């Protein structure tokens, strides 16, 4: 109804809800040019619009048939007759074929449509009309109050006209989750349009919105106009929107676009500098990384070494080598594959391969992503653990390579599995690693909250796994007795310590099947 009023040249639309003889009536009144031929209202696909409207948009559609089955009264001023006409359409007349009688209307301009309102429509009326009015090109009043209107491209950081449309660019996504990115004279339509995400700590998503002004080749799927027809005109509009998107990015002092996006900007004749240098400081992957990383810091300029994505056990081993020669003065940084192609990124050294060598009682064993330790290889102490890094001087395919060997004090091997019971946990003799540090390695390598549905919360799962990891670490480094005492100590902290009065001490004598507890004298 609003679109028809707009096409008729209306400057304002009034919507009112009234009660008449126990009936709720919705009135839609406009001050447009009116309708000469009443039959045009009920001719499917034909509306009698002039050449200008037919050129700028396809006006054919359902028209009044959207009200089929409702009791509707229509009045419209006929410019050629200089008077208004009126017709009443009973609810049962839409498919009866019975003729409709014309009468004398009472209005002196525009069109008035009155619809009998079912009760279920009334509750959502204000929200529906307000939503339709929000981006409509002319004012709309509801029960005498002017409704809020705002520019469809509100808050755009860059706006440019192309292909008969206004195109706005945003450095965030204002349309999630409805994805209504095209405004057809107040009617918002879903349409896939260009987007690009920057490679940086907040991952800014650049998007566009399009406000159609005069784009006769952009066609909607009739009659509802809920989709845009994918034709050559839409492709040209998408290309124009993509170019304008990159123009907006070019107004910023720098960017972190993927290299393929930078190349696309060049193809669209938009000149951009290379992406800002710097990478996120590397953080060892853990088994629970499905929860995402809480923060990402961009490493400063200086010596950097790119670390590829690693399995959690290899990553935790590399963490022990960080800060040791020959990489003590190098900042380990996260790989960003999307930045490959930029000269500054391709010039950085990168770790191409990581393997581990374990020496035990004269035998040498190898472990990496493709090679497991023997199934009967026992957890415990070993003579030496060496992590070997194959480093390329640059990220280019023909770059020279070198191998760096760094001794580390421990290794937690998944050995192809994800269960702590199948893990092979190793530590070197007299190398100073503590049960606390080793237990944190075990936890990081294996704990994943999604794996255990029996516990009531992530915190409960985490605490239970911490205790198990601490017991394993203590057993390997200090022996079975120390592990048993550690398990008792942790249970006491969890279940007993909070019961002891602040100013008292207790003594416990325990053996299998018997426990006695007493207060110590003050």
Protein backbone atom coordinates (compact mmCIF):
# COMPACT_ATOMS: atom_id res chain seq x y z
CA UNK A 1 0.00 0.00 0.00
CA UNK A 2 2.82 2.43 0.88
CA UNK A 3 4.66 1.69 -2.37
CA UNK A 4 1.54 2.43 -4.41
CA UNK A 5 1.14 5.74 -2.57
CA UNK A 6 4.77 6.62 -3.29
CA UNK A 7 4.34 5.86 -7.00
CA UNK A 8 1.25 8.08 -7.01
CA UNK A 9 3.41 11.03 -5.94
CA UNK A 10 2.19 11.21 -2.33
CA UNK A 11 4.01 13.59 0.00
CA UNK A 12 2.61 12.03 3.20
CA UNK A 13 0.76 8.88 4.28
CA UNK A 14 -1.56 8.69 7.29
CA UNK A 15 -2.39 5.39 9.00
CA UNK A 16 -5.20 5.33 11.57
CA UNK A 17 -6.97 2.63 13.58
CA UNK A 18 -10.61 3.30 14.46
CA UNK A 19 -13.58 1.46 15.97
CA UNK A 20 -16.87 1.58 14.05
CA UNK A 21 -19.95 -0.42 15.07
CA UNK A 22 -17.84 -2.97 16.94
CA UNK A 23 -15.36 -3.38 14.09
CA UNK A 24 -11.70 -2.39 14.08
CA UNK A 25 -10.79 -0.58 10.86
CA UNK A 26 -7.34 0.28 9.53
CA UNK A 27 -7.30 3.38 7.31
CA UNK A 28 -4.42 4.17 4.93
CA UNK A 29 -4.72 7.63 3.38
CA UNK A 30 -2.34 9.35 0.96
CA UNK A 31 -2.33 12.68 -0.91
CA UNK A 32 -1.14 11.27 -4.23
CA UNK A 33 -2.63 11.74 -7.68
CA UNK A 34 -5.50 9.31 -7.12
CA UNK A 35 -6.80 6.58 -9.44
CA UNK A 36 -8.79 7.20 -12.60
CA UNK A 37 -9.76 3.60 -13.38
CA UNK A 38 -11.08 1.55 -10.41
CA UNK A 39 -10.62 -1.65 -12.42
CA UNK A 40 -6.82 -1.13 -12.38
CA UNK A 41 -6.87 -1.93 -8.65
CA UNK A 42 -7.90 -5.52 -9.24
CA UNK A 43 -6.00 -6.38 -12.42
CA UNK A 44 -3.20 -8.80 -11.51
CA UNK A 45 0.16 -7.57 -12.85
CA UNK A 46 -1.25 -4.29 -14.20
CA UNK A 47 -1.42 -1.05 -12.29
CA UNK A 48 -1.93 1.61 -14.91
CA UNK A 49 1.23 3.52 -13.99
CA UNK A 50 2.78 6.06 -16.35
CA UNK A 51 5.90 5.68 -18.47
CA UNK A 52 8.21 7.28 -15.88
CA UNK A 53 7.30 4.75 -13.19
CA UNK A 54 7.44 1.86 -15.65
CA UNK A 55 10.93 2.95 -16.71
CA UNK A 56 12.41 3.46 -13.25
CA UNK A 57 10.96 0.32 -11.62
CA UNK A 58 8.73 -2.61 -12.51
CA UNK A 59 5.48 -1.69 -10.71
CA UNK A 60 3.62 -4.87 -11.63
CA UNK A 61 2.67 -7.03 -8.70
CA UNK A 62 -0.12 -8.29 -6.48
CA UNK A 63 -1.41 -4.80 -5.67
CA UNK A 64 -4.74 -5.00 -3.89
CA UNK A 65 -4.69 -8.80 -4.02
CA UNK A 66 -2.52 -8.72 -0.88
CA UNK A 67 -5.82 -7.95 0.90
CA UNK A 68 -7.78 -10.79 -0.68
CA UNK A 69 -10.31 -12.30 1.70
CA UNK A 70 -10.62 -9.12 3.78
CA UNK A 71 -13.47 -6.63 3.86
CA UNK A 72 -12.05 -3.52 2.18
CA UNK A 73 -13.48 -0.07 1.35
CA UNK A 74 -11.67 2.09 -1.20
CA UNK A 75 -12.08 5.76 -2.04
CA UNK A 76 -9.93 7.55 -4.61
CA UNK A 77 -10.00 10.92 -6.30
CA UNK A 78 -10.15 10.67 -10.12
CA UNK A 79 -8.14 13.51 -11.68
CA UNK A 80 -9.88 13.13 -15.05
CA UNK A 81 -13.40 13.13 -13.53
CA UNK A 82 -12.62 15.80 -10.96
CA UNK A 83 -14.47 13.76 -8.32
CA UNK A 84 -13.91 10.84 -6.01
CA UNK A 85 -15.33 7.36 -6.41
CA UNK A 86 -15.95 4.68 -3.79
CA UNK A 87 -16.21 0.89 -3.87
CA UNK A 88 -16.89 -1.65 -1.12
CA UNK A 89 -15.38 -5.15 -1.42
CA UNK A 90 -16.96 -7.62 1.04
CA UNK A 91 -14.70 -10.39 2.32
CA UNK A 92 -16.55 -13.03 0.27
CA UNK A 93 -16.56 -11.00 -2.96
CA UNK A 94 -12.91 -11.57 -3.90
CA UNK A 95 -13.57 -14.94 -5.54
CA UNK A 96 -17.32 -14.82 -6.12
CA UNK A 97 -17.23 -13.05 -9.50
CA UNK A 98 -20.08 -10.76 -8.43
CA UNK A 99 -19.94 -7.19 -9.81
CA UNK A 100 -18.91 -4.40 -7.43
CA UNK A 101 -20.99 -1.23 -7.36
CA UNK A 102 -19.26 2.16 -7.64
CA UNK A 103 -20.46 5.04 -5.50
CA UNK A 104 -19.62 8.65 -4.85
CA UNK A 105 -16.52 9.17 -2.71
CA UNK A 106 -16.09 11.84 -0.04
CA UNK A 107 -12.37 12.72 -0.37
CA UNK A 108 -10.93 15.57 -2.44
CA UNK A 109 -7.46 14.13 -3.19
CA UNK A 110 -5.41 10.95 -3.09
CA UNK A 111 -6.67 7.54 -2.00
CA UNK A 112 -8.18 6.15 1.19
CA UNK A 113 -8.19 2.41 1.84
CA UNK A 114 -10.05 1.02 4.87
CA UNK A 115 -9.47 -2.59 5.93
CA UNK A 116 -11.38 -4.58 8.52
CA UNK A 117 -8.74 -5.57 11.05
CA UNK A 118 -8.64 -9.00 12.69
CA UNK A 119 -7.79 -8.87 16.38
CA UNK A 120 -4.45 -10.64 15.90
CA UNK A 121 -3.25 -7.80 13.62
CA UNK A 122 -3.90 -5.05 16.16
CA UNK A 123 -1.24 -6.13 18.67
CA UNK A 124 1.63 -5.86 16.18
CA UNK A 125 0.31 -2.91 14.19
CA UNK A 126 2.52 -0.17 15.63
CA UNK A 127 5.71 -2.19 15.23
CA UNK A 128 4.82 -3.20 11.64
CA UNK A 129 3.98 0.35 10.54
CA UNK A 130 7.02 1.81 12.32
CA UNK A 131 9.28 -0.74 10.63
CA UNK A 132 7.81 0.05 7.19
CA UNK A 133 8.23 3.79 7.83
CA UNK A 134 11.81 3.63 9.06
CA UNK A 135 13.53 3.91 5.67
CA UNK A 136 10.55 5.06 3.60
CA UNK A 137 11.22 8.10 1.38
CA UNK A 138 8.12 10.07 2.51
CA UNK A 139 6.68 10.81 5.98
CA UNK A 140 4.20 8.41 7.58
CA UNK A 141 1.86 9.22 10.47
CA UNK A 142 0.25 6.63 12.76
CA UNK A 143 -2.82 7.75 14.70
CA UNK A 144 -1.72 11.38 14.24
CA UNK A 145 1.90 10.89 15.39
CA UNK A 146 4.79 11.23 12.95
CA UNK A 147 6.88 8.06 12.86
CA UNK A 148 10.67 8.02 13.01
CA UNK A 149 12.50 7.97 9.68
CA UNK A 150 16.23 7.59 9.15
CA UNK A 151 18.60 7.39 6.23
CA UNK A 152 19.18 3.77 5.18
CA UNK A 153 22.88 4.62 5.01
CA UNK A 154 22.96 6.10 8.51
CA UNK A 155 26.38 5.72 10.20
CA UNK A 156 28.10 4.81 6.91
CA UNK A 157 31.73 5.92 7.03
CA UNK A 158 31.81 6.47 3.26
CA UNK A 159 29.01 7.08 0.70
CA UNK A 160 29.22 7.31 -3.09
CA UNK A 161 26.66 7.13 -5.92
CA UNK A 162 26.88 4.51 -8.69
CA UNK A 163 24.49 2.63 -11.00
CA UNK A 164 21.56 4.78 -9.94
CA UNK A 165 22.10 3.93 -6.27
CA UNK A 166 23.66 5.36 -3.13
CA UNK A 167 26.25 2.96 -1.77
CA UNK A 168 27.37 3.18 1.86
CA UNK A 169 30.41 1.46 3.35
CA UNK A 170 30.73 0.24 6.96
CA UNK A 171 33.72 -1.13 8.86
CA UNK A 172 31.41 -3.42 10.81
CA UNK A 173 28.31 -5.42 9.88
CA UNK A 174 25.15 -3.43 10.71
CA UNK A 175 22.79 -6.00 9.15
CA UNK A 176 23.56 -9.18 11.04
CA UNK A 177 21.60 -11.41 11.27
CA UNK A 178 18.85 -10.31 8.85
CA UNK A 179 21.24 -9.40 6.03
CA UNK A 180 18.85 -6.80 4.53
CA UNK A 181 21.44 -4.82 2.58
CA UNK A 182 19.35 -3.23 -0.21
CA UNK A 183 16.68 -0.60 0.32
CA UNK A 184 14.07 -0.52 -2.47
CA UNK A 185 12.29 2.77 -1.69
CA UNK A 186 11.73 1.79 1.93
CA UNK A 187 11.37 -1.94 1.36
CA UNK A 188 14.50 -3.73 2.66
CA UNK A 189 15.67 -6.74 0.69
CA UNK A 190 18.20 -9.49 1.38
CA UNK A 191 21.02 -9.66 -1.13
CA UNK A 192 24.58 -10.99 -1.09
CA UNK A 193 26.93 -8.03 -1.51
CA UNK A 194 30.74 -7.65 -1.31
CA UNK A 195 32.43 -7.99 2.07
CA UNK A 196 36.04 -8.22 3.17
CA UNK A 197 37.51 -8.98 6.59
CA UNK A 198 40.77 -7.49 7.77
CA UNK A 199 43.47 -9.65 9.32
CA UNK A 200 43.97 -7.92 12.67
CA UNK A 201 43.14 -8.26 16.33
CA UNK A 202 39.50 -7.18 16.02
CA UNK A 203 38.95 -8.67 12.55
CA UNK A 204 36.99 -5.69 11.16
CA UNK A 205 34.39 -6.75 8.61
CA UNK A 206 33.88 -4.25 5.78
CA UNK A 207 30.37 -4.35 4.31
CA UNK A 208 28.14 -2.27 2.05
CA UNK A 209 24.52 -1.16 2.01
CA UNK A 210 22.73 0.02 -1.13
CA UNK A 211 19.91 2.57 -1.31
CA UNK A 212 18.19 2.30 -4.71
CA UNK A 213 17.36 5.68 -6.25
CA UNK A 214 16.84 5.24 -10.02
CA UNK A 215 18.09 1.83 -11.16
CA UNK A 216 15.57 0.47 -13.71
CA UNK A 217 17.74 -2.55 -14.57
CA UNK A 218 17.79 -3.81 -10.99
CA UNK A 219 14.74 -6.08 -10.86
CA UNK A 220 13.02 -7.67 -7.87
CA UNK A 221 11.32 -11.05 -7.90
CA UNK A 222 7.61 -10.27 -8.17
CA UNK A 223 5.16 -10.01 -6.61
CA UNK A 224 6.62 -9.81 -3.08
CA UNK A 225 9.99 -8.19 -4.02
CA UNK A 226 11.84 -10.15 -1.33
CA UNK A 227 14.77 -11.06 -3.59
CA UNK A 228 16.83 -9.33 -6.28
CA UNK A 229 17.04 -10.99 -9.69
CA UNK A 230 20.63 -12.01 -10.41
CA UNK A 231 21.26 -10.35 -13.78
CA UNK A 232 23.99 -8.32 -15.49
CA UNK A 233 22.82 -5.14 -13.79
CA UNK A 234 23.18 -6.68 -10.32
CA UNK A 235 26.67 -7.93 -11.20
CA UNK A 236 27.64 -4.40 -12.32
CA UNK A 237 26.19 -3.01 -9.09
CA UNK A 238 28.17 -5.50 -7.01
CA UNK A 239 31.38 -4.59 -8.85
CA UNK A 240 30.70 -0.89 -8.26
CA UNK A 241 29.95 -1.54 -4.58
CA UNK A 242 33.17 -3.53 -4.22
CA UNK A 243 35.20 -0.71 -5.79
CA UNK A 244 33.59 1.84 -3.46
CA UNK A 245 34.31 -0.46 -0.50
CA UNK A 246 38.02 -0.40 -1.36
CA UNK A 247 37.88 3.36 -1.92
CA UNK A 248 36.60 3.70 1.64
CA UNK A 249 39.46 1.56 2.96
CA UNK A 250 41.89 3.76 1.00
CA UNK A 251 40.82 6.76 3.10
CA UNK A 252 42.22 5.08 6.22
CA UNK A 253 45.90 5.54 7.15
CA UNK A 254 46.57 1.79 6.90
CA UNK A 255 44.85 -1.58 6.61
CA UNK A 256 45.26 -5.30 7.26
CA UNK A 257 43.55 -6.73 4.18
CA UNK A 258 44.33 -10.25 2.98
CA UNK A 259 46.70 -10.20 0.02
CA UNK A 260 43.98 -11.49 -2.34
CA UNK A 261 41.76 -8.54 -1.34
CA UNK A 262 44.65 -6.14 -1.97
CA UNK A 263 45.06 -7.66 -5.44
CA UNK A 264 41.33 -7.29 -6.08
CA UNK A 265 41.52 -3.61 -5.17
CA UNK A 266 44.26 -3.19 -7.76
CA UNK A 267 42.06 -4.91 -10.37
CA UNK A 268 39.33 -2.37 -9.57
CA UNK A 269 41.80 0.53 -10.03
CA UNK A 270 41.96 1.37 -6.33
CA UNK A 271 45.51 2.00 -5.10
CA UNK A 272 46.20 0.75 -1.57
CA UNK A 273 49.48 0.47 0.32
CA UNK A 274 50.60 -2.95 1.47
CA UNK A 275 49.01 -4.21 4.66
CA UNK A 276 50.47 -2.80 7.87
CA UNK A 277 53.36 -4.97 9.03
CA UNK A 278 53.34 -6.79 12.35
CA UNK A 279 51.84 -10.08 13.49
CA UNK A 280 50.10 -11.45 16.56
CA UNK A 281 52.49 -12.70 19.23
CA UNK A 282 52.48 -16.49 19.18
CA UNK A 283 50.65 -18.27 21.93
CA UNK A 284 50.98 -22.05 22.24
CA UNK A 285 47.91 -23.88 21.01
CA UNK A 286 45.97 -25.87 23.58
CA UNK A 287 43.44 -28.67 23.25
CA UNK A 288 40.71 -26.29 24.47
CA UNK A 289 41.39 -23.60 21.84
CA UNK A 290 37.90 -24.20 20.44
CA UNK A 291 36.84 -21.54 22.97
CA UNK A 292 38.84 -18.96 21.00
CA UNK A 293 41.62 -16.70 22.13
CA UNK A 294 40.86 -13.99 24.61
CA UNK A 295 43.20 -11.41 23.09
CA UNK A 296 45.64 -10.93 20.25
CA UNK A 297 48.61 -8.57 20.45
CA UNK A 298 50.36 -7.28 17.37
CA UNK A 299 54.11 -7.83 17.67
CA UNK A 300 56.31 -4.74 17.26
CA UNK A 301 58.77 -4.24 14.45
CA UNK A 302 61.93 -6.28 14.93
CA UNK A 303 63.19 -9.82 14.57
CA UNK A 304 60.22 -12.14 14.12
CA UNK A 305 59.88 -15.85 13.42
CA UNK A 306 56.60 -17.15 12.02
CA UNK A 307 55.17 -20.24 13.74
CA UNK A 308 52.68 -22.35 11.74
CA UNK A 309 49.59 -23.93 13.24
CA UNK A 310 50.66 -26.80 15.50
CA UNK A 311 49.10 -29.65 17.41
CA UNK A 312 48.87 -28.89 21.11
CA UNK A 313 51.68 -31.25 22.20
CA UNK A 314 54.18 -29.86 19.67
CA UNK A 315 53.14 -26.30 20.57
CA UNK A 316 53.68 -26.88 24.30
CA UNK A 317 57.12 -28.32 23.59
CA UNK A 318 58.03 -25.26 21.50
CA UNK A 319 56.91 -23.04 24.37
CA UNK A 320 59.69 -24.57 26.51
CA UNK A 321 62.26 -23.65 23.85
CA UNK A 322 61.17 -20.02 23.66
CA UNK A 323 63.82 -17.74 25.08
CA UNK A 324 66.67 -20.22 24.59
CA UNK A 325 69.53 -19.91 22.07
CA UNK A 326 69.46 -19.50 19.13
CA UNK A 327 65.91 -18.00 19.25
CA UNK A 328 66.24 -16.07 22.50
CA UNK A 329 66.18 -12.67 20.72
CA UNK A 330 63.46 -13.55 18.21
CA UNK A 331 59.75 -12.83 18.71
CA UNK A 332 57.66 -15.86 17.82
CA UNK A 333 54.55 -14.72 15.91
CA UNK A 334 51.38 -16.32 14.58
CA UNK A 335 51.25 -17.36 10.93
CA UNK A 336 48.69 -15.37 8.91
CA UNK A 337 48.38 -17.31 5.65
CA UNK A 338 46.08 -14.65 4.21
CA UNK A 339 49.01 -12.19 4.26
CA UNK A 340 51.22 -14.35 2.06
CA UNK A 341 52.16 -12.30 -1.00
CA UNK A 342 53.01 -9.06 0.78
CA UNK A 343 56.75 -8.44 0.48
CA UNK A 344 57.25 -7.70 4.19
CA UNK A 345 55.46 -10.94 5.18
CA UNK A 346 57.26 -13.13 2.65
CA UNK A 347 60.62 -11.76 3.82
CA UNK A 348 60.12 -13.05 7.39
CA UNK A 349 61.74 -16.34 8.49
CA UNK A 350 59.29 -19.15 9.08
CA UNK A 351 59.38 -22.50 10.88
CA UNK A 352 58.72 -25.16 8.24
CA UNK A 353 59.04 -28.28 10.35
CA UNK A 354 59.31 -29.30 14.01
CA UNK A 355 60.46 -32.69 15.29
CA UNK A 356 61.65 -34.02 18.63
CA UNK A 357 64.48 -36.38 19.54
CA UNK A 358 64.34 -38.37 22.78
CA UNK A 359 67.45 -40.08 24.20
CA UNK A 360 66.84 -42.84 26.72
CA UNK A 361 69.45 -45.33 27.92
CA UNK A 362 71.46 -45.20 24.70
CA UNK A 363 68.50 -45.37 22.31
CA UNK A 364 67.25 -42.49 20.18
CA UNK A 365 63.55 -42.07 19.36
CA UNK A 366 61.86 -39.54 17.06
CA UNK A 367 58.48 -37.83 17.48
CA UNK A 368 56.62 -35.38 15.25
CA UNK A 369 53.20 -34.93 13.62
CA UNK A 370 53.83 -37.91 11.33
CA UNK A 371 55.85 -40.19 13.63
CA UNK A 372 54.65 -41.69 16.93
CA UNK A 373 56.62 -43.23 19.75
CA UNK A 374 56.35 -47.01 20.22
CA UNK A 375 53.15 -48.03 21.98
CA UNK A 376 55.17 -49.62 24.82
CA UNK A 377 57.31 -46.53 25.38
CA UNK A 378 56.87 -45.87 29.10
CA UNK A 379 56.19 -42.55 30.74
CA UNK A 380 58.96 -41.32 33.00
CA UNK A 381 62.44 -39.86 32.98
CA UNK A 382 64.74 -39.77 29.95
CA UNK A 383 68.31 -38.61 29.38
CA UNK A 384 67.67 -35.85 26.87
CA UNK A 385 64.88 -34.20 24.86
CA UNK A 386 65.80 -32.03 21.89
CA UNK A 387 63.38 -30.01 19.75
CA UNK A 388 64.62 -29.49 16.20
CA UNK A 389 63.33 -26.51 14.24
CA UNK A 390 63.70 -26.39 10.46
CA UNK A 391 63.71 -22.67 9.69
CA UNK A 392 63.50 -21.04 6.24
CA UNK A 393 65.25 -17.67 6.03
CA UNK A 394 62.16 -16.24 4.26
CA UNK A 395 58.71 -17.48 3.37
CA UNK A 396 59.63 -17.85 -0.28
CA UNK A 397 59.74 -21.35 -1.72
CA UNK A 398 63.43 -21.26 -2.70
CA UNK A 399 64.68 -19.80 0.59
CA UNK A 400 67.71 -21.43 2.31
CA UNK A 401 66.93 -23.65 5.31
CA UNK A 402 68.71 -24.36 8.56
CA UNK A 403 68.05 -26.67 11.51
CA UNK A 404 68.25 -25.41 15.11
CA UNK A 405 68.44 -27.87 18.02
CA UNK A 406 67.25 -26.76 21.46
CA UNK A 407 67.19 -28.89 24.60
CA UNK A 408 63.92 -28.83 26.56
CA UNK A 409 63.14 -30.38 29.96
CA UNK A 410 59.85 -32.19 29.19
CA UNK A 411 57.55 -33.51 26.49
CA UNK A 412 53.89 -34.53 26.63
CA UNK A 413 53.12 -36.73 23.61
CA UNK A 414 49.57 -37.26 22.38
CA UNK A 415 50.98 -40.07 20.25
CA UNK A 416 48.01 -39.89 17.89
CA UNK A 417 45.34 -39.80 20.59
CA UNK A 418 43.51 -37.29 22.77
CA UNK A 419 43.18 -39.27 26.02
CA UNK A 420 45.49 -38.57 28.95
CA UNK A 421 45.47 -42.30 29.73
CA UNK A 422 47.19 -42.92 26.36
CA UNK A 423 49.66 -40.06 26.73
CA UNK A 424 53.40 -40.54 26.98
CA UNK A 425 54.73 -38.00 29.48
CA UNK A 426 58.48 -37.52 29.63
CA UNK A 427 60.90 -35.36 31.63
CA UNK A 428 64.68 -35.16 31.64
CA UNK A 429 66.69 -36.12 34.68
CA UNK A 430 67.94 -33.22 36.80
CA UNK A 431 66.70 -30.53 34.39
CA UNK A 432 64.70 -28.55 36.92
CA UNK A 433 61.13 -28.79 35.64
CA UNK A 434 58.60 -28.66 38.48
CA UNK A 435 55.43 -30.71 38.94
CA UNK A 436 53.46 -27.48 38.56
CA UNK A 437 54.99 -26.66 35.15
CA UNK A 438 54.68 -30.22 33.88
CA UNK A 439 51.06 -30.47 35.03
CA UNK A 440 50.25 -27.26 33.13
CA UNK A 441 51.75 -28.83 30.00
CA UNK A 442 49.60 -31.92 30.45
CA UNK A 443 46.52 -29.79 30.99
CA UNK A 444 47.19 -27.61 27.94
CA UNK A 445 47.88 -30.63 25.73
CA UNK A 446 44.80 -32.66 26.60
CA UNK A 447 42.06 -30.75 28.41
CA UNK A 448 39.04 -29.88 26.27
CA UNK A 449 35.78 -29.06 28.02
CA UNK A 450 33.71 -30.27 25.06
CA UNK A 451 35.02 -33.81 25.55
CA UNK A 452 33.35 -34.42 28.92
CA UNK A 453 29.57 -34.14 29.14
CA UNK A 454 29.35 -35.76 32.59
CA UNK A 455 30.49 -32.71 34.58
CA UNK A 456 28.10 -29.90 35.39
CA UNK A 457 30.24 -26.99 34.15
CA UNK A 458 33.47 -26.06 32.41
CA UNK A 459 34.94 -25.02 35.77
CA UNK A 460 34.14 -28.41 37.29
CA UNK A 461 35.70 -30.23 34.34
CA UNK A 462 38.75 -27.99 34.43
CA UNK A 463 39.36 -28.47 38.15
CA UNK A 464 38.95 -32.24 37.89
CA UNK A 465 41.44 -32.41 35.01
CA UNK A 466 43.93 -30.14 36.82
CA UNK A 467 43.98 -32.57 39.73
CA UNK A 468 44.56 -35.54 37.44
CA UNK A 469 47.33 -33.73 35.55
CA UNK A 470 49.04 -32.68 38.79
CA UNK A 471 49.01 -36.25 40.05
CA UNK A 472 50.54 -37.57 36.80
CA UNK A 473 53.25 -34.89 36.85
CA UNK A 474 54.13 -35.55 40.49
CA UNK A 475 54.29 -39.30 39.91
CA UNK A 476 56.76 -38.90 37.01
CA UNK A 477 59.02 -36.36 38.74
CA UNK A 478 58.85 -37.39 42.42
CA UNK A 479 57.51 -40.93 42.51
CA UNK A 480 54.37 -42.80 43.52
CA UNK A 481 54.39 -41.84 47.22
CA UNK A 482 54.65 -38.15 46.40
CA UNK A 483 51.81 -38.49 43.88
CA UNK A 484 49.60 -40.16 46.48
CA UNK A 485 50.29 -37.44 49.03
CA UNK A 486 49.64 -34.78 46.39
CA UNK A 487 46.24 -36.35 45.58
CA UNK A 488 45.32 -36.38 49.30
CA UNK A 489 46.50 -32.78 49.67
CA UNK A 490 44.36 -31.59 46.74
CA UNK A 491 41.30 -33.42 48.05
CA UNK A 492 41.83 -31.84 51.47
CA UNK A 493 42.04 -28.37 49.93
CA UNK A 494 38.85 -28.93 47.94
CA UNK A 495 36.72 -30.65 50.56
CA UNK A 496 38.19 -30.06 54.02
CA UNK A 497 40.04 -26.76 54.42
CA UNK A 498 36.92 -24.58 54.35
CA UNK A 499 35.47 -26.52 57.34
CA UNK A 500 38.36 -25.61 59.68
CA UNK A 501 37.68 -22.54 61.89
CA UNK A 502 39.95 -19.59 61.12
CA UNK A 503 41.61 -19.61 64.56
CA UNK A 504 42.02 -23.39 64.96
CA UNK A 505 44.25 -26.21 63.71
CA UNK A 506 43.42 -29.87 63.38
CA UNK A 507 45.40 -33.09 63.23
CA UNK A 508 44.28 -36.06 61.13
CA UNK A 509 45.33 -39.70 61.62
CA UNK A 510 44.20 -41.80 58.68
CA UNK A 511 44.58 -45.31 57.37
CA UNK A 512 42.52 -47.47 55.07
CA UNK A 513 39.10 -47.80 56.72
CA UNK A 514 39.77 -45.50 59.69
CA UNK A 515 40.16 -41.73 60.11
CA UNK A 516 40.39 -39.78 63.34
CA UNK A 517 40.36 -35.98 63.58
CA UNK A 518 41.10 -33.76 66.56
CA UNK A 519 41.82 -30.09 67.30
CA UNK A 520 45.34 -29.14 68.31
CA UNK A 521 45.61 -27.21 71.57
CA UNK A 522 45.77 -23.42 71.13
